[in-house]
Amino acid sequence: MTDHSGAACSTPMLFTEKKINTTLLGVAFAFSVAGGITLLVHAWQTGRIWPVGPIGIALMIWGLLVGNNLAVRRRLSPVLRLEARRLSYIGGAAWKPRMVSIDFRDITHIDKVRSSSIVLHVRKERRAHIVPIGLLSKGDREAFLQGFHARCDTSRSLDASPQGSR
């Protein structure tokens, strides 16, 4: 969090995603798996396995992918963490989400700040990191951006400050 002078506090800021996001993932999981099972039962009963069976299997696989994503997201919650020296967020592929941590000193520049994401360039990495801030409510998003900028500024001032003479 930040005080009125803009200095970053050492207490971590933890952000959870909106409840509607996980609710929609849960509904998508349930409907996909149930729809896949229904299609497979229908294909079996009518004897037309070929045109309907693969669609049912694909729908079930999609549902299991969504269910795995939901389970991992709940396990890794809170989805965004601002600590004194690093930023952590849920990233990775849809089938294997993971917690990604970036040290503030390794951020070379901030490319874009949108309402749904921040694009960061990190030292020694070719690809940019996309931090998903659209998962947060509007108030949490503003608090996250203030804390993020304060911590980045503090990190840069620590890098620029002269070291003690020897």
C-alpha atoms as a PDB file:
ATOM      1  CA  MET A   1       0.000   0.000   0.000  1.00  0.00           C
ATOM      2  CA  THR A   2       1.072   3.592  -0.370  1.00  0.00           C
ATOM      3  CA  ASP A   3       0.933   6.455   2.056  1.00  0.00           C
ATOM      4  CA  HIS A   4       0.034  10.004   1.052  1.00  0.00           C
ATOM      5  CA  SER A   5       3.617  10.871   0.090  1.00  0.00           C
ATOM      6  CA  GLY A   6       3.677   7.950  -2.372  1.00  0.00           C
ATOM      7  CA  ALA A   7       6.317   5.851  -0.604  1.00  0.00           C
ATOM      8  CA  ALA A   8       5.757   2.124  -0.768  1.00  0.00           C
ATOM      9  CA  CYS A   9       5.120   0.307   2.485  1.00  0.00           C
ATOM     10  CA  SER A  10       6.800  -2.983   3.199  1.00  0.00           C
ATOM     11  CA  THR A  11       3.525  -4.815   3.816  1.00  0.00           C
ATOM     12  CA  PRO A  12       2.488  -7.027   0.900  1.00  0.00           C
ATOM     13  CA  MET A  13      -0.641  -6.208  -1.068  1.00  0.00           C
ATOM     14  CA  LEU A  14      -2.709  -9.284  -1.962  1.00  0.00           C
ATOM     15  CA  PHE A  15      -5.452  -9.161  -4.591  1.00  0.00           C
ATOM     16  CA  THR A  16      -8.087 -11.793  -5.335  1.00  0.00           C
ATOM     17  CA  GLU A  17     -10.061 -11.953  -8.557  1.00  0.00           C
ATOM     18  CA  LYS A  18     -13.721 -11.085  -8.790  1.00  0.00           C
ATOM     19  CA  LYS A  19     -16.043 -13.863  -7.583  1.00  0.00           C
ATOM     20  CA  ILE A  20     -17.936 -13.808 -10.893  1.00  0.00           C
ATOM     21  CA  ASN A  21     -14.804 -15.018 -12.747  1.00  0.00           C
ATOM     22  CA  THR A  22     -14.508 -18.233 -10.771  1.00  0.00           C
ATOM     23  CA  THR A  23     -18.280 -18.697 -10.801  1.00  0.00           C
ATOM     24  CA  LEU A  24     -18.333 -18.524 -14.607  1.00  0.00           C
ATOM     25  CA  LEU A  25     -15.431 -20.978 -14.816  1.00  0.00           C
ATOM     26  CA  GLY A  26     -17.348 -23.362 -12.545  1.00  0.00           C
ATOM     27  CA  VAL A  27     -20.480 -23.093 -14.687  1.00  0.00           C
ATOM     28  CA  ALA A  28     -18.438 -23.623 -17.868  1.00  0.00           C
ATOM     29  CA  PHE A  29     -16.840 -26.708 -16.305  1.00  0.00           C
ATOM     30  CA  ALA A  30     -20.187 -28.197 -15.274  1.00  0.00           C
ATOM     31  CA  PHE A  31     -21.956 -27.539 -18.578  1.00  0.00           C
ATOM     32  CA  SER A  32     -19.041 -28.756 -20.693  1.00  0.00           C
ATOM     33  CA  VAL A  33     -18.635 -32.055 -18.868  1.00  0.00           C
ATOM     34  CA  ALA A  34     -22.392 -32.630 -18.614  1.00  0.00           C
ATOM     35  CA  GLY A  35     -22.861 -31.744 -22.296  1.00  0.00           C
ATOM     36  CA  GLY A  36     -20.073 -34.104 -23.324  1.00  0.00           C
ATOM     37  CA  ILE A  37     -21.579 -36.961 -21.314  1.00  0.00           C
ATOM     38  CA  THR A  38     -25.029 -36.240 -22.752  1.00  0.00           C
ATOM     39  CA  LEU A  39     -23.683 -36.307 -26.309  1.00  0.00           C
ATOM     40  CA  LEU A  40     -21.835 -39.575 -25.686  1.00  0.00           C
ATOM     41  CA  VAL A  41     -24.941 -41.225 -24.194  1.00  0.00           C
ATOM     42  CA  HIS A  42     -27.052 -39.967 -27.112  1.00  0.00           C
ATOM     43  CA  ALA A  43     -24.493 -41.260 -29.633  1.00  0.00           C
ATOM     44  CA  TRP A  44     -24.421 -44.649 -27.906  1.00  0.00           C
ATOM     45  CA  GLN A  45     -28.220 -44.961 -27.769  1.00  0.00           C
ATOM     46  CA  THR A  46     -28.771 -43.974 -31.399  1.00  0.00           C
ATOM     47  CA  GLY A  47     -25.836 -46.018 -32.673  1.00  0.00           C
ATOM     48  CA  ARG A  48     -24.248 -43.003 -34.395  1.00  0.00           C
ATOM     49  CA  ILE A  49     -20.919 -42.927 -32.623  1.00  0.00           C
ATOM     50  CA  TRP A  50     -18.953 -41.333 -35.482  1.00  0.00           C
ATOM     51  CA  PRO A  51     -20.461 -37.907 -36.006  1.00  0.00           C
ATOM     52  CA  VAL A  52     -21.442 -37.227 -32.394  1.00  0.00           C
ATOM     53  CA  GLY A  53     -18.881 -39.150 -30.310  1.00  0.00           C
ATOM     54  CA  PRO A  54     -15.789 -37.047 -31.115  1.00  0.00           C
ATOM     55  CA  ILE A  55     -17.707 -33.843 -30.400  1.00  0.00           C
ATOM     56  CA  GLY A  56     -18.788 -35.216 -27.012  1.00  0.00           C
ATOM     57  CA  ILE A  57     -15.237 -36.265 -26.179  1.00  0.00           C
ATOM     58  CA  ALA A  58     -13.857 -32.866 -27.245  1.00  0.00           C
ATOM     59  CA  LEU A  59     -16.467 -31.116 -25.099  1.00  0.00           C
ATOM     60  CA  MET A  60     -15.539 -33.255 -22.091  1.00  0.00           C
ATOM     61  CA  ILE A  61     -11.825 -32.571 -22.598  1.00  0.00           C
ATOM     62  CA  TRP A  62     -12.557 -28.843 -22.783  1.00  0.00           C
ATOM     63  CA  GLY A  63     -14.572 -29.087 -19.557  1.00  0.00           C
ATOM     64  CA  LEU A  64     -11.747 -30.919 -17.794  1.00  0.00           C
ATOM     65  CA  LEU A  65      -9.292 -28.250 -18.975  1.00  0.00           C
ATOM     66  CA  VAL A  66     -11.534 -25.517 -17.553  1.00  0.00           C
ATOM     67  CA  GLY A  67     -11.961 -27.490 -14.317  1.00  0.00           C
ATOM     68  CA  ASN A  68      -8.202 -27.905 -13.915  1.00  0.00           C
ATOM     69  CA  ASN A  69      -7.680 -24.186 -14.543  1.00  0.00           C
ATOM     70  CA  LEU A  70     -10.298 -23.375 -11.901  1.00  0.00           C
ATOM     71  CA  ALA A  71      -8.761 -25.737  -9.336  1.00  0.00           C
ATOM     72  CA  VAL A  72      -5.250 -24.349  -9.851  1.00  0.00           C
ATOM     73  CA  ARG A  73      -6.495 -20.744  -9.690  1.00  0.00           C
ATOM     74  CA  ARG A  74      -8.209 -21.433  -6.374  1.00  0.00           C
ATOM     75  CA  ARG A  75      -5.082 -23.111  -5.024  1.00  0.00           C
ATOM     76  CA  LEU A  76      -2.820 -20.214  -6.102  1.00  0.00           C
ATOM     77  CA  SER A  77      -5.159 -17.470  -4.866  1.00  0.00           C
ATOM     78  CA  PRO A  78      -4.573 -14.508  -4.363  1.00  0.00           C
ATOM     79  CA  VAL A  79      -4.006 -13.988  -8.072  1.00  0.00           C
ATOM     80  CA  LEU A  80      -1.862 -10.838  -7.763  1.00  0.00           C
ATOM     81  CA  ARG A  81       0.685 -10.138  -5.037  1.00  0.00           C
ATOM     82  CA  LEU A  82       2.727  -6.991  -4.587  1.00  0.00           C
ATOM     83  CA  GLU A  83       5.544  -7.560  -2.131  1.00  0.00           C
ATOM     84  CA  ALA A  84       8.367  -5.218  -1.166  1.00  0.00           C
ATOM     85  CA  ARG A  85      10.738  -6.474  -3.871  1.00  0.00           C
ATOM     86  CA  ARG A  86       8.647  -8.459  -6.335  1.00  0.00           C
ATOM     87  CA  LEU A  87       5.380  -8.850  -8.180  1.00  0.00           C
ATOM     88  CA  SER A  88       3.679 -12.256  -8.435  1.00  0.00           C
ATOM     89  CA  TYR A  89       0.739 -13.146 -10.658  1.00  0.00           C
ATOM     90  CA  ILE A  90      -0.975 -16.196 -12.145  1.00  0.00           C
ATOM     91  CA  GLY A  91       0.368 -16.756 -15.633  1.00  0.00           C
ATOM     92  CA  GLY A  92       1.268 -19.587 -17.940  1.00  0.00           C
ATOM     93  CA  ALA A  93      -0.802 -21.569 -20.387  1.00  0.00           C
ATOM     94  CA  ALA A  94      -4.530 -22.185 -19.874  1.00  0.00           C
ATOM     95  CA  TRP A  95      -3.919 -25.901 -19.316  1.00  0.00           C
ATOM     96  CA  LYS A  96      -1.135 -25.296 -16.777  1.00  0.00           C
ATOM     97  CA  PRO A  97      -1.423 -22.004 -14.882  1.00  0.00           C
ATOM     98  CA  ARG A  98       1.401 -21.191 -12.480  1.00  0.00           C
ATOM     99  CA  MET A  99       2.574 -18.381 -10.229  1.00  0.00           C
ATOM    100  CA  VAL A 100       5.058 -16.090 -12.006  1.00  0.00           C
ATOM    101  CA  SER A 101       7.305 -13.828  -9.907  1.00  0.00           C
ATOM    102  CA  ILE A 102       9.180 -10.788 -11.212  1.00  0.00           C
ATOM    103  CA  ASP A 103      11.682  -8.800  -9.183  1.00  0.00           C
ATOM    104  CA  PHE A 104      11.022  -5.056  -9.520  1.00  0.00           C
ATOM    105  CA  ARG A 105      14.718  -4.441 -10.215  1.00  0.00           C
ATOM    106  CA  ASP A 106      14.520  -6.727 -13.268  1.00  0.00           C
ATOM    107  CA  ILE A 107      11.753  -4.691 -14.951  1.00  0.00           C
ATOM    108  CA  THR A 108      13.394  -2.680 -17.720  1.00  0.00           C
ATOM    109  CA  HIS A 109      10.294  -0.754 -18.776  1.00  0.00           C
ATOM    110  CA  ILE A 110       6.519  -0.785 -18.725  1.00  0.00           C
ATOM    111  CA  ASP A 111       5.231  -0.995 -22.276  1.00  0.00           C
ATOM    112  CA  LYS A 112       1.469  -0.588 -21.919  1.00  0.00           C
ATOM    113  CA  VAL A 113      -1.011  -0.130 -19.099  1.00  0.00           C
ATOM    114  CA  ARG A 114      -4.557  -1.040 -20.070  1.00  0.00           C
ATOM    115  CA  SER A 115      -7.677  -1.680 -18.044  1.00  0.00           C
ATOM    116  CA  SER A 116      -7.174  -5.424 -18.537  1.00  0.00           C
ATOM    117  CA  SER A 117      -3.394  -5.869 -18.461  1.00  0.00           C
ATOM    118  CA  ILE A 118       0.068  -4.415 -17.977  1.00  0.00           C
ATOM    119  CA  VAL A 119       2.809  -5.325 -20.455  1.00  0.00           C
ATOM    120  CA  LEU A 120       6.235  -5.481 -18.778  1.00  0.00           C
ATOM    121  CA  HIS A 121       9.662  -6.038 -20.281  1.00  0.00           C
ATOM    122  CA  VAL A 122      12.018  -7.914 -17.999  1.00  0.00           C
ATOM    123  CA  ARG A 123      15.805  -7.976 -18.088  1.00  0.00           C
ATOM    124  CA  LYS A 124      17.299 -11.120 -19.699  1.00  0.00           C
ATOM    125  CA  GLU A 125      13.973 -12.258 -21.198  1.00  0.00           C
ATOM    126  CA  ARG A 126      13.010 -11.899 -24.849  1.00  0.00           C
ATOM    127  CA  ARG A 127       9.246 -12.017 -24.438  1.00  0.00           C
ATOM    128  CA  ALA A 128       7.218  -9.440 -22.568  1.00  0.00           C
ATOM    129  CA  HIS A 129       5.196 -10.412 -19.499  1.00  0.00           C
ATOM    130  CA  ILE A 130       1.473  -9.658 -19.547  1.00  0.00           C
ATOM    131  CA  VAL A 131       0.117  -9.115 -16.035  1.00  0.00           C
ATOM    132  CA  PRO A 132      -3.675  -9.710 -16.019  1.00  0.00           C
ATOM    133  CA  ILE A 133      -5.162  -6.902 -13.929  1.00  0.00           C
ATOM    134  CA  GLY A 134      -8.578  -7.220 -15.582  1.00  0.00           C
ATOM    135  CA  LEU A 135      -9.343 -10.005 -13.102  1.00  0.00           C
ATOM    136  CA  LEU A 136      -9.641  -7.404 -10.344  1.00  0.00           C
ATOM    137  CA  SER A 137     -12.509  -5.127  -9.442  1.00  0.00           C
ATOM    138  CA  LYS A 138     -12.122  -1.484 -10.465  1.00  0.00           C
ATOM    139  CA  GLY A 139     -11.160  -0.335  -6.965  1.00  0.00           C
ATOM    140  CA  ASP A 140      -8.635  -3.144  -6.518  1.00  0.00           C
ATOM    141  CA  ARG A 141      -7.204  -2.398  -9.966  1.00  0.00           C
ATOM    142  CA  GLU A 142      -6.566   1.243  -9.029  1.00  0.00           C
ATOM    143  CA  ALA A 143      -4.997   0.226  -5.708  1.00  0.00           C
ATOM    144  CA  PHE A 144      -2.830  -2.330  -7.516  1.00  0.00           C
ATOM    145  CA  LEU A 145      -1.624   0.243 -10.062  1.00  0.00           C
ATOM    146  CA  GLN A 146      -0.780   2.772  -7.329  1.00  0.00           C
ATOM    147  CA  GLY A 147       1.113   0.164  -5.317  1.00  0.00           C
ATOM    148  CA  PHE A 148       2.845  -1.178  -8.422  1.00  0.00           C
ATOM    149  CA  HIS A 149       4.068   2.250  -9.556  1.00  0.00           C
ATOM    150  CA  ALA A 150       5.174   3.173  -6.021  1.00  0.00           C
ATOM    151  CA  ARG A 151       7.183  -0.037  -5.682  1.00  0.00           C
ATOM    152  CA  CYS A 152       8.721   0.370  -9.157  1.00  0.00           C
ATOM    153  CA  ASP A 153       9.738   3.947  -8.314  1.00  0.00           C
ATOM    154  CA  THR A 154      11.187   2.857  -4.963  1.00  0.00           C
ATOM    155  CA  SER A 155      13.140   0.063  -6.648  1.00  0.00           C
ATOM    156  CA  ARG A 156      14.519   2.451  -9.268  1.00  0.00           C
ATOM    157  CA  SER A 157      15.560   4.977  -6.611  1.00  0.00           C
ATOM    158  CA  LEU A 158      17.386   2.217  -4.708  1.00  0.00           C
ATOM    159  CA  ASP A 159      19.217   1.248  -7.910  1.00  0.00           C
ATOM    160  CA  ALA A 160      20.170   4.875  -8.609  1.00  0.00           C
ATOM    161  CA  SER A 161      21.262   5.756  -5.062  1.00  0.00           C
ATOM    162  CA  PRO A 162      25.034   5.903  -4.554  1.00  0.00           C
ATOM    163  CA  GLN A 163      26.616   3.076  -2.609  1.00  0.00           C
ATOM    164  CA  GLY A 164      28.684   3.839   0.453  1.00  0.00           C
ATOM    165  CA  SER A 165      32.301   4.798  -0.274  1.00  0.00           C
ATOM    166  CA  ARG A 166      35.007   2.318   0.638  1.00  0.00           C
END
